[in-house]
Every structure is written in structure tokens, then in C-alpha cells.
N, C-alpha and C. Protein backbone atom coordinates (compact mmCIF):
# COMPACT_ATOMS: atom_id res chain seq x y z
N MET A 1 1.01 -1.18 -0.11
CA MET A 1 -0.23 -0.17 0.05
C MET A 1 0.67 1.25 -0.08
N PHE A 2 1.84 0.89 0.84
CA PHE A 2 2.93 2.40 0.83
C PHE A 2 3.41 2.61 -0.37
N TYR A 3 3.62 1.41 -1.19
CA TYR A 3 4.52 1.51 -2.55
C TYR A 3 3.30 1.97 -3.61
N LEU A 4 2.26 2.18 -3.44
CA LEU A 4 1.28 2.26 -4.27
C LEU A 4 1.19 3.89 -3.89
N PHE A 5 1.10 4.34 -2.81
CA PHE A 5 0.85 5.59 -2.54
C PHE A 5 2.18 6.53 -3.39
N ILE A 6 3.62 5.96 -2.93
CA ILE A 6 4.90 6.58 -3.29
C ILE A 6 4.77 6.76 -4.88
N ILE A 7 4.64 5.53 -5.76
CA ILE A 7 4.21 6.05 -7.11
C ILE A 7 3.20 6.89 -7.50
N SER A 8 1.76 6.65 -6.85
CA SER A 8 0.69 7.78 -7.06
C SER A 8 1.47 9.27 -7.02
N LEU A 9 2.23 9.37 -5.99
CA LEU A 9 2.52 10.67 -5.24
C LEU A 9 3.63 11.42 -6.72
N PHE A 10 4.50 10.03 -6.81
CA PHE A 10 5.49 10.87 -7.69
C PHE A 10 4.72 10.70 -9.37
N SER A 11 3.70 10.43 -9.25
CA SER A 11 3.12 10.44 -11.05
C SER A 11 2.54 11.93 -10.73
N PHE A 12 1.80 12.31 -9.41
CA PHE A 12 1.29 13.20 -9.56
C PHE A 12 2.14 14.78 -9.48
N PHE A 13 3.49 14.40 -9.12
CA PHE A 13 4.38 15.51 -9.37
C PHE A 13 4.89 15.74 -10.44
N GLN A 14 4.90 14.21 -11.41
CA GLN A 14 5.79 14.41 -12.91
C GLN A 14 4.67 14.92 -13.85
N LEU A 15 3.36 14.86 -13.45
CA LEU A 15 2.06 15.28 -14.52
C LEU A 15 1.94 16.64 -13.87
N ARG A 16 2.09 17.27 -12.85
CA ARG A 16 2.08 18.60 -12.31
C ARG A 16 3.45 19.49 -12.88
N HIS A 17 4.31 19.14 -13.19
CA HIS A 17 5.60 19.87 -13.42
C HIS A 17 5.83 19.87 -15.09
N TYR A 18 5.24 18.10 -15.76
CA TYR A 18 5.81 18.27 -16.99
C TYR A 18 4.88 17.84 -17.85
N GLY A 19 3.52 17.94 -17.59
CA GLY A 19 2.57 17.29 -18.14
C GLY A 19 2.30 16.13 -18.52
N LEU A 20 1.22 15.88 -19.37
CA LEU A 20 1.12 14.33 -20.04
C LEU A 20 2.23 14.25 -20.90
N PRO A 21 2.94 13.44 -20.62
CA PRO A 21 3.68 12.93 -21.94
C PRO A 21 2.83 12.40 -23.50
N LEU A 22 3.61 13.43 -24.70
CA LEU A 22 2.85 13.14 -25.69
C LEU A 22 2.60 11.63 -26.37
N HIS A 23 3.69 10.92 -26.12
CA HIS A 23 3.88 9.83 -26.59
C HIS A 23 2.74 8.74 -25.70
N LEU A 24 2.08 9.16 -24.91
CA LEU A 24 1.16 8.24 -24.11
C LEU A 24 -0.07 8.71 -24.76
N ILE A 25 -0.45 9.99 -25.12
CA ILE A 25 -1.39 10.10 -25.53
C ILE A 25 -2.14 9.70 -26.45
N ARG A 26 -1.24 9.05 -27.43
CA ARG A 26 -1.81 7.96 -28.70
C ARG A 26 -2.04 6.84 -28.15
N GLU A 27 -1.33 6.21 -27.28
CA GLU A 27 -1.30 4.92 -26.83
C GLU A 27 -2.90 4.62 -26.00
N LEU A 28 -2.91 5.50 -25.08
CA LEU A 28 -4.12 6.03 -24.67
C LEU A 28 -5.31 5.92 -25.62
N TYR A 29 -5.45 6.93 -26.27
CA TYR A 29 -6.60 6.66 -27.65
C TYR A 29 -6.39 5.44 -28.19
N GLU A 30 -5.36 4.93 -28.59
CA GLU A 30 -5.52 3.68 -29.23
C GLU A 30 -6.21 2.62 -28.63
N THR A 31 -5.88 2.39 -27.04
CA THR A 31 -6.73 1.49 -26.01
C THR A 31 -7.90 1.84 -25.86
N PHE A 32 -8.32 3.26 -25.72
CA PHE A 32 -9.67 3.41 -25.55
C PHE A 32 -10.73 3.11 -27.15
N ARG A 33 -10.18 3.58 -28.13
CA ARG A 33 -10.57 2.62 -29.17
C ARG A 33 -10.83 1.60 -29.32
N SER A 34 -9.85 0.91 -29.46
CA SER A 34 -9.67 -0.77 -29.49
C SER A 34 -10.64 -1.25 -28.39
N PHE A 35 -10.99 -0.56 -27.00
CA PHE A 35 -11.85 -1.19 -26.24
C PHE A 35 -13.26 -1.18 -26.87
N ARG A 36 -13.73 0.13 -27.18
CA ARG A 36 -14.82 0.85 -27.92
C ARG A 36 -15.21 -0.03 -28.98
N ILE A 37 -14.35 -0.54 -29.79
CA ILE A 37 -14.71 -1.91 -30.99
C ILE A 37 -15.26 -2.54 -30.09
N ARG A 38 -14.32 -3.24 -29.44
CA ARG A 38 -14.55 -4.41 -28.94
C ARG A 38 -15.76 -4.73 -28.02
N ILE A 39 -16.46 -3.53 -27.41
CA ILE A 39 -17.85 -3.49 -26.58
C ILE A 39 -18.89 -3.60 -27.83
N ALA A 40 -18.54 -2.98 -29.11
CA ALA A 40 -19.41 -2.92 -30.22
C ALA A 40 -19.56 -3.98 -30.89
N ASP A 41 -18.23 -5.15 -30.79
CA ASP A 41 -18.35 -6.55 -31.44
C ASP A 41 -19.61 -7.17 -30.38
N TYR A 42 -19.21 -7.00 -29.31
CA TYR A 42 -19.60 -7.82 -28.13
C TYR A 42 -21.07 -7.72 -28.56
N ILE A 43 -21.80 -6.40 -28.37
CA ILE A 43 -22.95 -6.17 -28.20
C ILE A 43 -23.84 -6.40 -29.57
N ARG A 44 -23.05 -6.43 -30.79
CA ARG A 44 -23.31 -6.82 -32.08
C ARG A 44 -23.65 -8.23 -31.94
N TYR A 45 -22.78 -8.98 -31.67
CA TYR A 45 -22.35 -10.17 -31.80
C TYR A 45 -24.04 -11.29 -30.62
N ARG A 46 -23.90 -10.52 -29.58
CA ARG A 46 -25.37 -10.58 -28.53
C ARG A 46 -26.87 -10.56 -29.55
N LYS A 47 -26.48 -9.47 -30.06
CA LYS A 47 -27.77 -8.99 -30.70
C LYS A 47 -28.20 -10.20 -32.09
N VAL A 48 -27.01 -10.49 -32.61
CA VAL A 48 -27.36 -11.72 -33.52
C VAL A 48 -27.68 -13.12 -33.08
N THR A 49 -26.97 -13.51 -32.22
CA THR A 49 -26.91 -14.54 -31.71
C THR A 49 -27.99 -15.01 -30.43
N SER A 50 -28.68 -13.72 -30.26
CA SER A 50 -29.83 -13.83 -28.83
C SER A 50 -31.20 -14.58 -29.84
N ASN A 51 -31.65 -14.80 -30.83
CA ASN A 51 -32.40 -15.40 -31.49
C ASN A 51 -32.52 -15.87 -32.99
N VAL A 52 -31.30 -16.69 -32.85
CA VAL A 52 -30.72 -17.18 -33.88
C VAL A 52 -31.92 -17.84 -34.79
N ASP A 53 -32.48 -19.02 -33.93
CA ASP A 53 -33.84 -19.53 -34.79
C ASP A 53 -34.79 -18.69 -34.97
N GLU A 54 -35.03 -17.57 -34.44
CA GLU A 54 -35.97 -16.87 -35.29
C GLU A 54 -35.58 -16.07 -36.19
N ARG A 55 -34.45 -15.87 -36.42
CA ARG A 55 -33.52 -14.44 -36.82
C ARG A 55 -33.22 -15.67 -38.75
N PHE A 56 -32.37 -16.53 -38.65
CA PHE A 56 -32.42 -17.46 -39.52
C PHE A 56 -33.37 -18.64 -39.64
N PRO A 57 -34.35 -19.12 -41.12
CA PRO A 57 -34.90 -20.17 -41.24
C PRO A 57 -33.66 -21.48 -40.83
N SER A 58 -34.82 -22.53 -40.60
CA SER A 58 -33.90 -23.45 -41.07
C SER A 58 -34.02 -24.15 -42.57
N ALA A 59 -32.96 -24.82 -43.01
CA ALA A 59 -32.81 -25.25 -44.30
C ALA A 59 -33.66 -26.39 -44.45
N THR A 60 -34.50 -26.45 -45.66
CA THR A 60 -35.34 -28.12 -45.85
C THR A 60 -34.40 -28.62 -46.77
N PRO A 61 -34.84 -30.17 -46.46
CA PRO A 61 -33.94 -31.19 -46.72
C PRO A 61 -33.62 -30.67 -48.10
N GLU A 62 -34.71 -30.06 -48.86
CA GLU A 62 -34.48 -30.07 -50.62
C GLU A 62 -33.38 -29.24 -50.92
N GLU A 63 -33.08 -27.94 -49.85
CA GLU A 63 -32.39 -27.06 -49.71
C GLU A 63 -30.72 -27.46 -49.68
N ILE A 64 -30.61 -28.68 -48.73
CA ILE A 64 -29.72 -29.05 -48.26
C ILE A 64 -29.13 -30.03 -49.15
N ASN A 65 -29.82 -30.68 -49.90
CA ASN A 65 -29.53 -31.80 -50.63
C ASN A 65 -29.02 -30.90 -52.25
N ALA A 66 -29.57 -30.00 -52.11
CA ALA A 66 -29.49 -28.91 -53.82
C ALA A 66 -28.46 -28.33 -53.53
N SER A 67 -27.55 -28.19 -52.30
CA SER A 67 -26.52 -27.26 -52.11
C SER A 67 -25.31 -28.64 -52.11
N ASP A 68 -24.00 -28.21 -51.20
CA ASP A 68 -22.88 -29.29 -51.45
C ASP A 68 -23.49 -29.87 -50.10
N ALA A 69 -24.25 -29.63 -49.16
CA ALA A 69 -24.47 -30.46 -48.01
C ALA A 69 -23.56 -30.36 -46.96
N THR A 70 -22.32 -29.77 -47.25
CA THR A 70 -21.25 -29.37 -46.46
C THR A 70 -20.95 -28.25 -45.81
N CYS A 71 -20.72 -28.24 -44.54
CA CYS A 71 -20.67 -26.94 -43.98
C CYS A 71 -19.79 -26.46 -44.15
N ILE A 72 -19.36 -25.10 -44.40
CA ILE A 72 -18.24 -24.63 -45.06
C ILE A 72 -17.22 -24.19 -43.72
N ILE A 73 -17.98 -24.22 -42.66
CA ILE A 73 -17.07 -23.97 -41.63
C ILE A 73 -16.30 -24.86 -41.01
N CYS A 74 -17.11 -26.12 -40.50
CA CYS A 74 -16.72 -27.29 -39.72
C CYS A 74 -16.13 -28.48 -40.84
N ARG A 75 -16.71 -28.23 -42.20
CA ARG A 75 -16.40 -29.34 -43.25
C ARG A 75 -17.11 -30.72 -42.87
N GLU A 76 -18.00 -30.54 -42.24
CA GLU A 76 -18.51 -31.92 -42.00
C GLU A 76 -20.34 -32.03 -42.61
N GLU A 77 -20.68 -32.90 -42.96
CA GLU A 77 -22.35 -33.03 -43.43
C GLU A 77 -23.01 -32.52 -42.72
N MET A 78 -24.19 -31.78 -43.46
CA MET A 78 -25.22 -30.99 -42.71
C MET A 78 -26.58 -31.91 -42.78
N LEU A 79 -27.32 -32.33 -41.86
CA LEU A 79 -28.55 -32.90 -41.29
C LEU A 79 -29.28 -31.75 -41.49
N THR A 80 -28.86 -30.84 -40.51
CA THR A 80 -30.09 -29.63 -40.08
C THR A 80 -29.28 -28.27 -40.32
N ALA A 81 -29.52 -27.41 -41.05
CA ALA A 81 -29.14 -26.43 -40.77
C ALA A 81 -29.79 -24.85 -41.01
N LYS A 82 -29.07 -23.60 -40.54
CA LYS A 82 -29.83 -22.79 -40.59
C LYS A 82 -29.26 -21.60 -41.96
N LYS A 83 -30.19 -21.04 -42.72
CA LYS A 83 -30.06 -20.20 -44.30
C LYS A 83 -29.91 -18.80 -43.69
N LEU A 84 -29.07 -18.54 -44.34
CA LEU A 84 -28.40 -16.85 -44.34
C LEU A 84 -29.05 -16.12 -45.05
N HIS A 85 -29.40 -15.09 -44.85
CA HIS A 85 -30.60 -13.90 -46.18
C HIS A 85 -29.75 -14.12 -47.36
N CYS A 86 -28.32 -14.37 -47.28
CA CYS A 86 -27.71 -14.44 -48.67
C CYS A 86 -27.94 -15.84 -49.64
N GLY A 87 -28.52 -17.03 -48.61
CA GLY A 87 -28.79 -18.26 -49.06
C GLY A 87 -27.88 -19.39 -48.89
N HIS A 88 -26.90 -19.10 -48.23
CA HIS A 88 -25.43 -20.02 -48.10
C HIS A 88 -26.19 -20.81 -46.27
N LEU A 89 -26.02 -22.30 -46.05
CA LEU A 89 -26.40 -22.70 -44.91
C LEU A 89 -25.10 -23.15 -44.19
N PHE A 90 -25.72 -23.26 -42.97
CA PHE A 90 -24.45 -23.60 -42.34
C PHE A 90 -25.05 -24.23 -40.87
N HIS A 91 -24.14 -25.27 -39.86
CA HIS A 91 -24.51 -25.64 -38.91
C HIS A 91 -24.99 -24.36 -37.71
N VAL A 92 -26.05 -24.58 -36.92
CA VAL A 92 -25.86 -23.63 -35.71
C VAL A 92 -25.09 -23.25 -34.90
N HIS A 93 -24.49 -24.51 -34.58
CA HIS A 93 -23.19 -24.06 -33.48
C HIS A 93 -22.12 -23.53 -34.31
N CYS A 94 -21.65 -23.93 -35.70
CA CYS A 94 -20.79 -23.31 -36.49
C CYS A 94 -21.17 -21.81 -37.03
N LEU A 95 -22.39 -21.02 -36.86
CA LEU A 95 -22.85 -20.22 -37.35
C LEU A 95 -22.52 -19.33 -35.84
N ARG A 96 -23.01 -19.88 -34.64
CA ARG A 96 -22.55 -19.06 -33.93
C ARG A 96 -21.05 -18.99 -33.41
N SER A 97 -20.24 -19.65 -33.51
CA SER A 97 -18.73 -19.62 -33.30
C SER A 97 -18.40 -18.97 -34.23
N TRP A 98 -18.72 -18.81 -35.68
CA TRP A 98 -18.19 -17.66 -36.44
C TRP A 98 -18.83 -16.57 -36.25
N LEU A 99 -19.82 -16.25 -35.85
CA LEU A 99 -20.49 -14.80 -35.58
C LEU A 99 -19.78 -13.99 -34.37
N GLU A 100 -19.02 -14.96 -33.09
CA GLU A 100 -17.91 -14.40 -32.32
C GLU A 100 -17.12 -13.89 -32.94
N ARG A 101 -16.73 -13.98 -34.25
CA ARG A 101 -15.57 -13.58 -34.82
C ARG A 101 -15.76 -12.24 -36.05
N GLN A 102 -16.56 -12.64 -36.57
CA GLN A 102 -17.00 -11.80 -37.68
C GLN A 102 -18.49 -11.68 -37.62
N ASN A 103 -18.85 -11.02 -38.55
CA ASN A 103 -20.13 -10.41 -38.97
C ASN A 103 -20.95 -10.36 -40.20
N ILE A 104 -19.81 -11.28 -40.70
CA ILE A 104 -20.40 -11.55 -42.14
C ILE A 104 -20.38 -13.45 -42.43
N CYS A 105 -20.99 -13.25 -43.72
CA CYS A 105 -21.30 -14.50 -44.26
C CYS A 105 -19.69 -15.48 -44.66
N PRO A 106 -19.35 -16.45 -44.08
CA PRO A 106 -18.11 -16.79 -44.41
C PRO A 106 -17.90 -17.45 -45.88
N THR A 107 -18.89 -17.36 -46.57
CA THR A 107 -18.88 -17.71 -48.06
C THR A 107 -18.54 -16.49 -49.15
N CYS A 108 -19.39 -15.40 -48.73
CA CYS A 108 -19.52 -14.31 -49.76
C CYS A 108 -19.54 -13.34 -49.21
N ARG A 109 -19.18 -13.06 -48.10
CA ARG A 109 -18.64 -11.79 -47.33
C ARG A 109 -19.68 -10.65 -47.17
N ALA A 110 -20.94 -11.01 -47.43
CA ALA A 110 -22.31 -10.35 -47.25
C ALA A 110 -22.42 -10.48 -45.65
N LEU A 111 -23.03 -8.79 -45.16
CA LEU A 111 -23.42 -8.84 -43.94
C LEU A 111 -24.53 -9.67 -43.44
N VAL A 112 -24.35 -10.08 -42.35
CA VAL A 112 -25.37 -11.20 -41.61
C VAL A 112 -26.50 -10.62 -41.48
N ILE A 113 -26.39 -9.44 -40.80
CA ILE A 113 -27.58 -8.78 -40.71
C ILE A 113 -27.10 -7.19 -41.40
N PRO A 114 -28.02 -7.17 -42.34
CA PRO A 114 -28.01 -5.88 -43.24
C PRO A 114 -28.32 -4.71 -42.20
N PRO A 115 -27.97 -3.36 -42.63
CA PRO A 115 -28.11 -2.41 -41.92
C PRO A 115 -29.33 -1.95 -42.19
N GLU A 116 -29.85 -1.57 -41.15
CA GLU A 116 -31.33 -0.86 -40.78
C GLU A 116 -31.67 0.20 -41.86
N ASN A 117 -31.18 1.32 -42.00
CA ASN A 117 -31.10 2.69 -42.45
C ASN A 117 -30.42 2.64 -44.14
N GLY A 118 -30.07 1.27 -44.20
CA GLY A 118 -29.31 1.00 -45.82
C GLY A 118 -28.22 1.90 -46.10
N SER A 119 -27.43 2.23 -45.42
CA SER A 119 -26.30 2.51 -45.52
C SER A 119 -25.01 1.69 -44.33
N ALA A 120 -23.98 1.91 -44.89
CA ALA A 120 -23.10 0.99 -43.98
C ALA A 120 -22.90 1.28 -42.83
N ALA A 121 -22.66 0.05 -42.03
CA ALA A 121 -22.73 0.18 -40.45
C ALA A 121 -21.04 0.07 -40.13
N SER A 122 -20.99 1.04 -39.48
CA SER A 122 -19.79 1.19 -38.63
C SER A 122 -18.51 1.32 -39.63
N GLY A 123 -18.96 1.97 -40.38
CA GLY A 123 -17.49 2.35 -41.46
C GLY A 123 -17.19 1.28 -42.56
N GLN A 124 -18.01 0.28 -42.29
CA GLN A 124 -17.77 -1.11 -43.23
C GLN A 124 -18.56 -0.75 -44.59
N GLN A 125 -18.23 -1.38 -45.86
CA GLN A 125 -18.95 -1.30 -47.08
C GLN A 125 -20.09 -2.09 -46.96
N ALA A 126 -21.19 -1.72 -47.28
CA ALA A 126 -22.54 -2.52 -47.28
C ALA A 126 -22.10 -3.27 -48.43
N THR A 127 -21.96 -4.81 -48.55
CA THR A 127 -21.93 -5.91 -49.75
C THR A 127 -23.31 -6.55 -50.02
N THR A 128 -23.62 -6.79 -51.36
CA THR A 128 -24.82 -7.21 -51.94
C THR A 128 -24.68 -8.72 -51.55
N PRO A 129 -26.03 -9.01 -51.23
CA PRO A 129 -26.08 -10.77 -50.74
C PRO A 129 -25.92 -11.20 -52.36
N ALA A 130 -25.09 -12.97 -51.94
CA ALA A 130 -24.67 -13.61 -53.03
C ALA A 130 -26.07 -13.97 -53.74
N PRO A 131 -25.79 -14.25 -54.95
CA PRO A 131 -27.04 -14.89 -55.51
C PRO A 131 -27.22 -16.33 -54.87
N ALA A 132 -28.61 -16.88 -55.01
CA ALA A 132 -28.96 -17.77 -54.28
C ALA A 132 -28.62 -19.03 -54.71
N ILE A 133 -28.65 -20.03 -54.05
CA ILE A 133 -27.97 -21.67 -54.84
C ILE A 133 -28.77 -21.99 -56.41
N GLY A 134 -27.66 -21.78 -56.85
CA GLY A 134 -27.83 -22.26 -58.59
C GLY A 134 -27.87 -21.26 -59.67
N ASN A 135 -27.62 -19.74 -59.09
CA ASN A 135 -27.15 -19.10 -59.77
C ASN A 135 -25.85 -18.55 -60.31
N PRO A 136 -25.45 -18.00 -60.93
CA PRO A 136 -24.08 -17.68 -61.68
C PRO A 136 -23.13 -17.40 -60.01
N ASP A 137 -22.02 -17.55 -60.05
CA ASP A 137 -20.74 -17.23 -59.13
C ASP A 137 -20.87 -16.21 -58.88
N PRO A 138 -20.72 -15.52 -57.76
CA PRO A 138 -20.44 -14.11 -57.49
C PRO A 138 -18.75 -13.93 -57.84
N LYS A 139 -18.04 -14.74 -58.07
CA LYS A 139 -16.34 -14.12 -58.35
C LYS A 139 -16.48 -13.82 -60.11
N ILE A 140 -17.50 -14.24 -60.66
CA ILE A 140 -17.36 -14.04 -62.03
C ILE A 140 -17.95 -12.61 -62.23
N SER A 141 -18.99 -12.26 -61.64
CA SER A 141 -19.51 -10.73 -61.70
C SER A 141 -18.66 -10.21 -61.21
N MET A 142 -17.46 -10.22 -60.10
CA MET A 142 -17.04 -9.12 -59.80
C MET A 142 -15.67 -9.03 -60.86
N LEU A 143 -15.24 -10.27 -61.27
CA LEU A 143 -14.14 -9.87 -62.53
C LEU A 143 -14.98 -9.24 -63.91
N LYS A 144 -16.08 -9.49 -63.83
CA LYS A 144 -16.66 -8.40 -65.04
C LYS A 144 -17.14 -7.25 -64.59
N ALA A 145 -17.16 -7.01 -63.24
CA ALA A 145 -17.05 -5.26 -62.85
C ALA A 145 -15.75 -4.94 -62.81
N ARG A 146 -14.88 -5.77 -62.69
CA ARG A 146 -13.37 -5.02 -62.20
C ARG A 146 -12.89 -4.83 -64.15
N GLU A 147 -13.23 -5.89 -64.98
CA GLU A 147 -12.76 -5.54 -66.53
C GLU A 147 -13.51 -4.28 -66.94
N ALA A 148 -14.72 -3.95 -66.73
CA ALA A 148 -15.36 -2.88 -66.73
C ALA A 148 -14.94 -1.61 -66.32
N PHE A 149 -14.51 -1.49 -65.23
CA PHE A 149 -13.91 -0.51 -64.51
C PHE A 149 -12.49 -0.31 -65.37
N ILE A 150 -11.97 -1.23 -65.63
CA ILE A 150 -10.53 -1.05 -66.30
C ILE A 150 -11.11 -0.82 -68.05
N GLN A 151 -11.70 -0.84 -68.66
CA GLN A 151 -12.60 -0.63 -69.79
C GLN A 151 -12.38 1.08 -69.69
N THR A 152 -13.34 1.41 -68.71
CA THR A 152 -13.87 2.88 -68.83
C THR A 152 -12.07 3.36 -68.32
N GLN A 153 -11.19 3.08 -67.66
CA GLN A 153 -10.01 3.70 -67.55
C GLN A 153 -9.23 3.73 -68.80
N ILE A 154 -9.29 2.53 -69.64
CA ILE A 154 -8.60 2.88 -71.09
C ILE A 154 -9.73 3.60 -71.79
N GLU A 155 -10.90 3.92 -71.92
CA GLU A 155 -11.34 4.63 -72.80
C GLU A 155 -11.37 6.36 -72.30
N GLU A 156 -10.82 6.55 -71.15
CA GLU A 156 -11.10 7.76 -70.66
C GLU A 156 -9.77 8.17 -70.19
N PRO A 157 -8.94 9.05 -71.11
CA PRO A 157 -7.55 9.52 -70.69
C PRO A 157 -7.58 10.34 -69.67
N ALA A 158 -6.54 10.36 -68.62
CA ALA A 158 -6.42 10.94 -67.45
C ALA A 158 -5.67 12.51 -68.04
N GLU A 159 -6.58 13.38 -67.67
CA GLU A 159 -6.02 14.96 -68.02
C GLU A 159 -4.80 15.46 -67.41
N HIS A 160 -3.49 15.65 -68.29
CA HIS A 160 -2.46 15.94 -67.37
C HIS A 160 -2.07 17.83 -67.68
N TYR A 161 -1.70 17.67 -65.97
CA TYR A 161 -1.40 19.60 -65.88
C TYR A 161 -0.22 19.93 -66.43
């Protein structure tokens, strides 16, 4: 206890005469920012997993058989599964463990819960959901969009100053 008093007294005089060192301000800011992000992630996780059964419908046996019938998270065969808004299927326990780390679909990277106001949530880009099972691969559409962007860059020469 005496040691704590001595350290506190030294710190008080240090701060009073010299002020707060500038190199500590950035570290304090980063610590509080990290803490705020972790709290927001935890609240988001609790919100998503509080009612998984109501939020995500159960997949029918036809949907499971039409897809790969393998959970992409644990790589085991699915007998029962939950269906995300993007159409991908996962075990319930696998989905819960995934949502502890991420709030996006592990297959297509679409947000598990779309933002309520239609804008991006917490600085992340809002992604469009992947096509339903049986539709074209989303990687192909990404390649087409990239090719279109490159083509517009070629057709429109940059202005030189």
C-alpha cells in the first residue's frame, strides 16, 4: 500500500510539472478505441445470436441436398442447417462460433444482418448478398465489374496538368 502511495505521489508531481507525455496520448487513444470496438462487437454478437432460431430460417432437406450439404465452417455433412439471408447454409453451432469473430457470411462476405438504414454500418462497406443457390458464381460478376472498370479507365484518358 505504501508503494502504491509513493508511485501515485511521484506520478502526481510528474504530471503537474511536466504535463502528460505526448507519446502516451496516442497509446491512450488507441487503447480506448480498441476497447470501444470490442464492446461494439460484443453487443453486435449478442444481438445476432440472441435469437438465431427466429432470425435465420431452418433449411429444408431439399435445400440441403441442392447445395453441397457440407458446412463450409466445420467441413462436416449437414443434416440440419440454418439459412442466411444470402442463401448459404451452416450448422447452428458453427454459425454461432463464426459470429463470435465476424458478422459477415464466411462464403460470400455479405453482412449477416443488413444495416437498418441502408447505409454502411460502422465504416464497413455494405455488400450485396450473394446470388441464391444455382445462380452464377459471385466471383464471375466481380471479374466482370473489374473488367468494366479497367475498360472505362482505358477509354477515358487522364487529364495532364
